[in-house]
Amino acid sequence: MAFTFFFRDTHTLEHAVAVMIPEVAGRSRVRIWDAGCAMGPEPYTLAIILAEKMGNFAFKNVYITASDIDESGQFGEIIKRGIYTDEELGRIPEDIMTKYFSPVVENPGTYIISEGIRGKIKYQTHDLLTLSPVGDGFSMIVCKNVLLHFEYAERIKVIEMFAGALAPGGLLVTEHTQKMPEELNHLFTQIVPDARVYRKTETHV
């Protein structure tokens, strides 16, 4: 789903970040996968939240893989450039806007994300229904606005794939309207009552 905007559903993302940060303290690599990233507002929002909460030293160890099936073939270049319009940035708090975005002089009404944030996002084209993850050992996987487009059986298989790609105790973050299928309750535990943030159970192999 290509339509999205910056700082959408920050409530859920901030919950997930607050849980993850103390659990990854001291790690030299903190790997995160944003599956279904569209044109980049969600993974960039996540990166900004992490930068704000972790501080510069710890944030240096964060690596975010952003993926989407992207039939347009344009998402990768858009994310790499990190340039967005006033409309796409309209919900960003003023202090965050000032800190992480600069006007593009030659293109009025657009802004570029700071290099320190852009450098954290690596995009790759990926189809979740291949059931082959982009990697493994992830501390967090974010998948929002995607699962609802799949058939129920497909959704189960994709979430099982996410479980396999997560590190022990890793977090899965989904859309607030998407409940975990009952068949998968043994793989995940919902860890906050008012957001779809799930922890991979230690019993999952």
C-alpha atoms as a PDB file:
ATOM      1  CA  MET A   1       0.000   0.000   0.000  1.00  0.00           C
ATOM      2  CA  ALA A   2       1.753   3.126  -1.235  1.00  0.00           C
ATOM      3  CA  PHE A   3      -0.199   5.763   0.695  1.00  0.00           C
ATOM      4  CA  THR A   4       1.243   6.649   4.075  1.00  0.00           C
ATOM      5  CA  PHE A   5       2.621   9.640   5.940  1.00  0.00           C
ATOM      6  CA  PHE A   6       5.233  10.510   8.524  1.00  0.00           C
ATOM      7  CA  PHE A   7       4.502   9.948  12.221  1.00  0.00           C
ATOM      8  CA  ARG A   8       1.481   7.779  11.566  1.00  0.00           C
ATOM      9  CA  ASP A   9       0.515   5.607  14.582  1.00  0.00           C
ATOM     10  CA  THR A  10       3.465   6.816  16.631  1.00  0.00           C
ATOM     11  CA  HIS A  11       1.717   5.446  19.721  1.00  0.00           C
ATOM     12  CA  THR A  12       2.445   1.872  18.612  1.00  0.00           C
ATOM     13  CA  LEU A  13       5.959   2.583  17.354  1.00  0.00           C
ATOM     14  CA  GLU A  14       6.936   4.381  20.560  1.00  0.00           C
ATOM     15  CA  HIS A  15       5.622   1.473  22.651  1.00  0.00           C
ATOM     16  CA  ALA A  16       7.740  -0.954  20.647  1.00  0.00           C
ATOM     17  CA  VAL A  17      10.848   1.221  20.836  1.00  0.00           C
ATOM     18  CA  ALA A  18      10.474   1.686  24.589  1.00  0.00           C
ATOM     19  CA  VAL A  19      10.385  -2.092  25.066  1.00  0.00           C
ATOM     20  CA  MET A  20      13.218  -2.835  22.639  1.00  0.00           C
ATOM     21  CA  ILE A  21      15.838  -0.280  23.698  1.00  0.00           C
ATOM     22  CA  PRO A  22      16.777  -1.738  27.125  1.00  0.00           C
ATOM     23  CA  GLU A  23      16.817  -5.238  25.619  1.00  0.00           C
ATOM     24  CA  VAL A  24      19.377  -4.353  22.923  1.00  0.00           C
ATOM     25  CA  ALA A  25      21.638  -2.200  25.100  1.00  0.00           C
ATOM     26  CA  GLY A  26      25.271  -2.977  24.433  1.00  0.00           C
ATOM     27  CA  ARG A  27      24.726  -4.821  21.152  1.00  0.00           C
ATOM     28  CA  SER A  28      27.019  -3.907  18.276  1.00  0.00           C
ATOM     29  CA  ARG A  29      24.239  -4.467  15.720  1.00  0.00           C
ATOM     30  CA  VAL A  30      20.522  -3.859  16.214  1.00  0.00           C
ATOM     31  CA  ARG A  31      18.689  -5.106  13.129  1.00  0.00           C
ATOM     32  CA  ILE A  32      15.149  -4.022  12.274  1.00  0.00           C
ATOM     33  CA  TRP A  33      12.968  -4.954   9.295  1.00  0.00           C
ATOM     34  CA  ASP A  34      10.149  -2.692   8.083  1.00  0.00           C
ATOM     35  CA  ALA A  35       8.135  -4.955   5.784  1.00  0.00           C
ATOM     36  CA  GLY A  36       5.816  -3.038   3.472  1.00  0.00           C
ATOM     37  CA  CYS A  37       7.588   0.299   3.779  1.00  0.00           C
ATOM     38  CA  ALA A  38       5.884   2.026   0.808  1.00  0.00           C
ATOM     39  CA  MET A  39       7.773   5.238  -0.047  1.00  0.00           C
ATOM     40  CA  GLY A  40       9.585   5.485   3.267  1.00  0.00           C
ATOM     41  CA  PRO A  41       7.629   7.565   5.799  1.00  0.00           C
ATOM     42  CA  GLU A  42       7.227   4.642   8.221  1.00  0.00           C
ATOM     43  CA  PRO A  43      10.852   3.424   8.393  1.00  0.00           C
ATOM     44  CA  TYR A  44      12.080   7.017   8.536  1.00  0.00           C
ATOM     45  CA  THR A  45       9.621   7.771  11.347  1.00  0.00           C
ATOM     46  CA  LEU A  46      10.882   4.706  13.203  1.00  0.00           C
ATOM     47  CA  ALA A  47      14.496   5.787  12.680  1.00  0.00           C
ATOM     48  CA  ILE A  48      13.773   9.264  14.043  1.00  0.00           C
ATOM     49  CA  ILE A  49      12.016   7.849  17.119  1.00  0.00           C
ATOM     50  CA  LEU A  50      14.976   5.537  17.729  1.00  0.00           C
ATOM     51  CA  ALA A  51      17.452   8.391  17.326  1.00  0.00           C
ATOM     52  CA  GLU A  52      15.527  10.486  19.831  1.00  0.00           C
ATOM     53  CA  LYS A  53      15.214   7.701  22.396  1.00  0.00           C
ATOM     54  CA  MET A  54      18.597   5.973  22.046  1.00  0.00           C
ATOM     55  CA  GLY A  55      21.034   8.850  21.732  1.00  0.00           C
ATOM     56  CA  ASN A  56      23.791   9.142  19.132  1.00  0.00           C
ATOM     57  CA  PHE A  57      26.132   6.498  20.515  1.00  0.00           C
ATOM     58  CA  ALA A  58      23.610   3.637  20.661  1.00  0.00           C
ATOM     59  CA  PHE A  59      21.807   4.733  17.482  1.00  0.00           C
ATOM     60  CA  LYS A  60      24.999   4.160  15.489  1.00  0.00           C
ATOM     61  CA  ASN A  61      24.416   0.426  15.927  1.00  0.00           C
ATOM     62  CA  VAL A  62      20.925   0.455  14.357  1.00  0.00           C
ATOM     63  CA  TYR A  63      20.394  -0.980  10.861  1.00  0.00           C
ATOM     64  CA  ILE A  64      16.927  -0.827   9.274  1.00  0.00           C
ATOM     65  CA  THR A  65      16.018  -2.895   6.216  1.00  0.00           C
ATOM     66  CA  ALA A  66      12.947  -1.458   4.455  1.00  0.00           C
ATOM     67  CA  SER A  67      11.192  -3.641   1.903  1.00  0.00           C
ATOM     68  CA  ASP A  68       8.147  -3.583  -0.348  1.00  0.00           C
ATOM     69  CA  ILE A  69       6.913  -5.421  -3.426  1.00  0.00           C
ATOM     70  CA  ASP A  70       6.838  -2.013  -5.194  1.00  0.00           C
ATOM     71  CA  GLU A  71       5.284  -2.659  -8.586  1.00  0.00           C
ATOM     72  CA  SER A  72       6.079   0.955  -9.536  1.00  0.00           C
ATOM     73  CA  GLY A  73       9.827   0.397  -9.235  1.00  0.00           C
ATOM     74  CA  GLN A  74      10.203   3.853  -7.653  1.00  0.00           C
ATOM     75  CA  PHE A  75      10.244   3.294  -3.901  1.00  0.00           C
ATOM     76  CA  GLY A  76      13.942   2.551  -3.639  1.00  0.00           C
ATOM     77  CA  GLU A  77      15.000   5.788  -5.313  1.00  0.00           C
ATOM     78  CA  ILE A  78      12.499   7.852  -3.311  1.00  0.00           C
ATOM     79  CA  ILE A  79      13.761   6.403  -0.032  1.00  0.00           C
ATOM     80  CA  LYS A  80      17.395   6.828  -1.049  1.00  0.00           C
ATOM     81  CA  ARG A  81      16.850  10.510  -1.899  1.00  0.00           C
ATOM     82  CA  GLY A  82      14.871  11.145   1.302  1.00  0.00           C
ATOM     83  CA  ILE A  83      12.997  14.136  -0.144  1.00  0.00           C
ATOM     84  CA  TYR A  84       9.335  14.623   0.738  1.00  0.00           C
ATOM     85  CA  THR A  85       6.627  17.274   0.329  1.00  0.00           C
ATOM     86  CA  ASP A  86       4.909  19.537   2.825  1.00  0.00           C
ATOM     87  CA  GLU A  87       1.816  17.343   2.582  1.00  0.00           C
ATOM     88  CA  GLU A  88       3.686  14.166   3.482  1.00  0.00           C
ATOM     89  CA  LEU A  89       5.434  15.880   6.404  1.00  0.00           C
ATOM     90  CA  GLY A  90       2.418  17.720   7.779  1.00  0.00           C
ATOM     91  CA  ARG A  91       2.062  15.686  10.994  1.00  0.00           C
ATOM     92  CA  ILE A  92       5.677  15.924  12.124  1.00  0.00           C
ATOM     93  CA  PRO A  93       6.179  17.870  15.389  1.00  0.00           C
ATOM     94  CA  GLU A  94       7.882  21.214  14.766  1.00  0.00           C
ATOM     95  CA  ASP A  95      10.953  20.425  16.859  1.00  0.00           C
ATOM     96  CA  ILE A  96      11.507  17.146  15.005  1.00  0.00           C
ATOM     97  CA  MET A  97      11.010  18.877  11.660  1.00  0.00           C
ATOM     98  CA  THR A  98      13.625  21.484  12.500  1.00  0.00           C
ATOM     99  CA  LYS A  99      16.097  18.916  13.800  1.00  0.00           C
ATOM    100  CA  TYR A 100      15.920  16.309  11.040  1.00  0.00           C
ATOM    101  CA  PHE A 101      14.691  18.056   7.859  1.00  0.00           C
ATOM    102  CA  SER A 102      16.100  20.818   5.669  1.00  0.00           C
ATOM    103  CA  PRO A 103      14.333  22.725   2.847  1.00  0.00           C
ATOM    104  CA  VAL A 104      15.343  21.803  -0.683  1.00  0.00           C
ATOM    105  CA  VAL A 105      16.137  25.229  -2.101  1.00  0.00           C
ATOM    106  CA  GLU A 106      15.753  24.269  -5.747  1.00  0.00           C
ATOM    107  CA  ASN A 107      12.364  22.622  -5.135  1.00  0.00           C
ATOM    108  CA  PRO A 108      10.211  24.808  -2.852  1.00  0.00           C
ATOM    109  CA  GLY A 109       7.747  22.917  -0.655  1.00  0.00           C
ATOM    110  CA  THR A 110      10.008  19.883  -0.278  1.00  0.00           C
ATOM    111  CA  TYR A 111      12.430  18.845   2.450  1.00  0.00           C
ATOM    112  CA  ILE A 112      15.309  16.386   2.713  1.00  0.00           C
ATOM    113  CA  ILE A 113      15.922  14.149   5.724  1.00  0.00           C
ATOM    114  CA  SER A 114      19.251  14.492   7.498  1.00  0.00           C
ATOM    115  CA  GLU A 115      22.046  12.238   6.287  1.00  0.00           C
ATOM    116  CA  GLY A 116      22.325  10.590   9.701  1.00  0.00           C
ATOM    117  CA  ILE A 117      18.782   9.257   9.358  1.00  0.00           C
ATOM    118  CA  ARG A 118      18.930   8.480   5.639  1.00  0.00           C
ATOM    119  CA  GLY A 119      22.028   6.379   6.162  1.00  0.00           C
ATOM    120  CA  LYS A 120      20.139   4.031   8.483  1.00  0.00           C
ATOM    121  CA  ILE A 121      17.594   2.868   5.885  1.00  0.00           C
ATOM    122  CA  LYS A 122      18.520   0.277   3.257  1.00  0.00           C
ATOM    123  CA  TYR A 123      15.762  -0.559   0.785  1.00  0.00           C
ATOM    124  CA  GLN A 124      15.192  -3.746  -1.146  1.00  0.00           C
ATOM    125  CA  THR A 125      12.326  -4.983  -3.301  1.00  0.00           C
ATOM    126  CA  HIS A 126      10.719  -8.002  -1.652  1.00  0.00           C
ATOM    127  CA  ASP A 127       7.508 -10.021  -1.925  1.00  0.00           C
ATOM    128  CA  LEU A 128       6.363 -11.287   1.483  1.00  0.00           C
ATOM    129  CA  LEU A 129       4.405 -14.117  -0.134  1.00  0.00           C
ATOM    130  CA  THR A 130       7.659 -15.777  -1.205  1.00  0.00           C
ATOM    131  CA  LEU A 131       7.867 -16.609   2.523  1.00  0.00           C
ATOM    132  CA  SER A 132      11.607 -15.995   2.325  1.00  0.00           C
ATOM    133  CA  PRO A 133      12.717 -13.265   4.762  1.00  0.00           C
ATOM    134  CA  VAL A 134      15.204 -10.535   3.892  1.00  0.00           C
ATOM    135  CA  GLY A 135      17.423 -11.753   6.720  1.00  0.00           C
ATOM    136  CA  ASP A 136      17.315 -13.130  10.244  1.00  0.00           C
ATOM    137  CA  GLY A 137      18.205 -12.200  13.779  1.00  0.00           C
ATOM    138  CA  PHE A 138      15.993  -9.110  13.755  1.00  0.00           C
ATOM    139  CA  SER A 139      15.300  -7.379  17.063  1.00  0.00           C
ATOM    140  CA  MET A 140      12.096  -5.926  15.615  1.00  0.00           C
ATOM    141  CA  ILE A 141       9.914  -6.474  12.563  1.00  0.00           C
ATOM    142  CA  VAL A 142       7.298  -3.843  11.672  1.00  0.00           C
ATOM    143  CA  CYS A 143       4.548  -4.881   9.254  1.00  0.00           C
ATOM    144  CA  LYS A 144       1.574  -2.526   9.033  1.00  0.00           C
ATOM    145  CA  ASN A 145      -0.989  -1.923   6.273  1.00  0.00           C
ATOM    146  CA  VAL A 146       0.088  -5.113   4.516  1.00  0.00           C
ATOM    147  CA  LEU A 147      -1.316  -8.163   6.295  1.00  0.00           C
ATOM    148  CA  LEU A 148      -4.903  -6.977   5.835  1.00  0.00           C
ATOM    149  CA  HIS A 149      -4.474  -7.386   2.063  1.00  0.00           C
ATOM    150  CA  PHE A 150      -3.640 -11.090   2.386  1.00  0.00           C
ATOM    151  CA  GLU A 151      -5.959 -14.063   2.641  1.00  0.00           C
ATOM    152  CA  TYR A 152      -6.168 -15.503   6.159  1.00  0.00           C
ATOM    153  CA  ALA A 153      -4.033 -18.545   5.317  1.00  0.00           C
ATOM    154  CA  GLU A 154      -1.418 -16.314   3.669  1.00  0.00           C
ATOM    155  CA  ARG A 155      -1.372 -14.074   6.730  1.00  0.00           C
ATOM    156  CA  ILE A 156      -0.595 -17.046   8.962  1.00  0.00           C
ATOM    157  CA  LYS A 157       2.295 -18.168   6.759  1.00  0.00           C
ATOM    158  CA  VAL A 158       3.792 -14.672   6.605  1.00  0.00           C
ATOM    159  CA  ILE A 159       3.636 -14.251  10.383  1.00  0.00           C
ATOM    160  CA  GLU A 160       5.254 -17.668  10.823  1.00  0.00           C
ATOM    161  CA  MET A 161       8.018 -16.450   8.514  1.00  0.00           C
ATOM    162  CA  PHE A 162       8.418 -13.333  10.661  1.00  0.00           C
ATOM    163  CA  ALA A 163       8.761 -15.533  13.746  1.00  0.00           C
ATOM    164  CA  GLY A 164      11.585 -17.426  12.112  1.00  0.00           C
ATOM    165  CA  ALA A 165      13.349 -14.177  11.138  1.00  0.00           C
ATOM    166  CA  LEU A 166      13.204 -12.669  14.631  1.00  0.00           C
ATOM    167  CA  ALA A 167      15.938 -13.104  17.202  1.00  0.00           C
ATOM    168  CA  PRO A 168      14.902 -14.811  20.455  1.00  0.00           C
ATOM    169  CA  GLY A 169      12.531 -12.456  22.268  1.00  0.00           C
ATOM    170  CA  GLY A 170      12.302 -10.170  19.219  1.00  0.00           C
ATOM    171  CA  LEU A 171       9.301  -7.909  18.654  1.00  0.00           C
ATOM    172  CA  LEU A 172       6.633  -7.997  15.935  1.00  0.00           C
ATOM    173  CA  VAL A 173       4.673  -4.767  15.403  1.00  0.00           C
ATOM    174  CA  THR A 174       1.446  -4.860  13.366  1.00  0.00           C
ATOM    175  CA  GLU A 175      -1.475  -2.626  12.477  1.00  0.00           C
ATOM    176  CA  HIS A 176      -3.753  -1.868  15.428  1.00  0.00           C
ATOM    177  CA  THR A 177      -6.741  -3.408  13.609  1.00  0.00           C
ATOM    178  CA  GLN A 178      -4.930  -6.697  12.949  1.00  0.00           C
ATOM    179  CA  LYS A 179      -5.312  -9.289  15.697  1.00  0.00           C
ATOM    180  CA  MET A 180      -2.880 -12.169  15.932  1.00  0.00           C
ATOM    181  CA  PRO A 181      -4.465 -15.318  14.416  1.00  0.00           C
ATOM    182  CA  GLU A 182      -5.358 -17.741  17.190  1.00  0.00           C
ATOM    183  CA  GLU A 183      -3.351 -20.456  15.454  1.00  0.00           C
ATOM    184  CA  LEU A 184      -0.190 -18.453  16.165  1.00  0.00           C
ATOM    185  CA  ASN A 185      -0.747 -17.571  19.813  1.00  0.00           C
ATOM    186  CA  HIS A 186       1.976 -20.069  20.765  1.00  0.00           C
ATOM    187  CA  LEU A 187       4.538 -18.080  18.762  1.00  0.00           C
ATOM    188  CA  PHE A 188       3.897 -14.605  20.196  1.00  0.00           C
ATOM    189  CA  THR A 189       2.755 -12.829  23.344  1.00  0.00           C
ATOM    190  CA  GLN A 190       1.132  -9.396  23.168  1.00  0.00           C
ATOM    191  CA  ILE A 191       3.152  -7.278  25.587  1.00  0.00           C
ATOM    192  CA  VAL A 192       1.153  -4.050  25.779  1.00  0.00           C
ATOM    193  CA  PRO A 193      -2.644  -3.965  26.047  1.00  0.00           C
ATOM    194  CA  ASP A 194      -3.291  -0.954  23.801  1.00  0.00           C
ATOM    195  CA  ALA A 195      -0.979  -1.651  20.855  1.00  0.00           C
ATOM    196  CA  ARG A 196      -0.209  -4.592  18.579  1.00  0.00           C
ATOM    197  CA  VAL A 197       3.302  -5.192  19.856  1.00  0.00           C
ATOM    198  CA  TYR A 198       4.160  -8.872  20.241  1.00  0.00           C
ATOM    199  CA  ARG A 199       7.180 -10.670  21.651  1.00  0.00           C
ATOM    200  CA  LYS A 200       8.418 -13.873  20.053  1.00  0.00           C
ATOM    201  CA  THR A 201       8.095 -16.634  22.641  1.00  0.00           C
ATOM    202  CA  GLU A 202      11.260 -18.340  23.818  1.00  0.00           C
ATOM    203  CA  THR A 203       9.790 -21.740  22.950  1.00  0.00           C
ATOM    204  CA  HIS A 204       9.692 -20.979  19.216  1.00  0.00           C
ATOM    205  CA  VAL A 205      12.468 -22.612  17.213  1.00  0.00           C
END
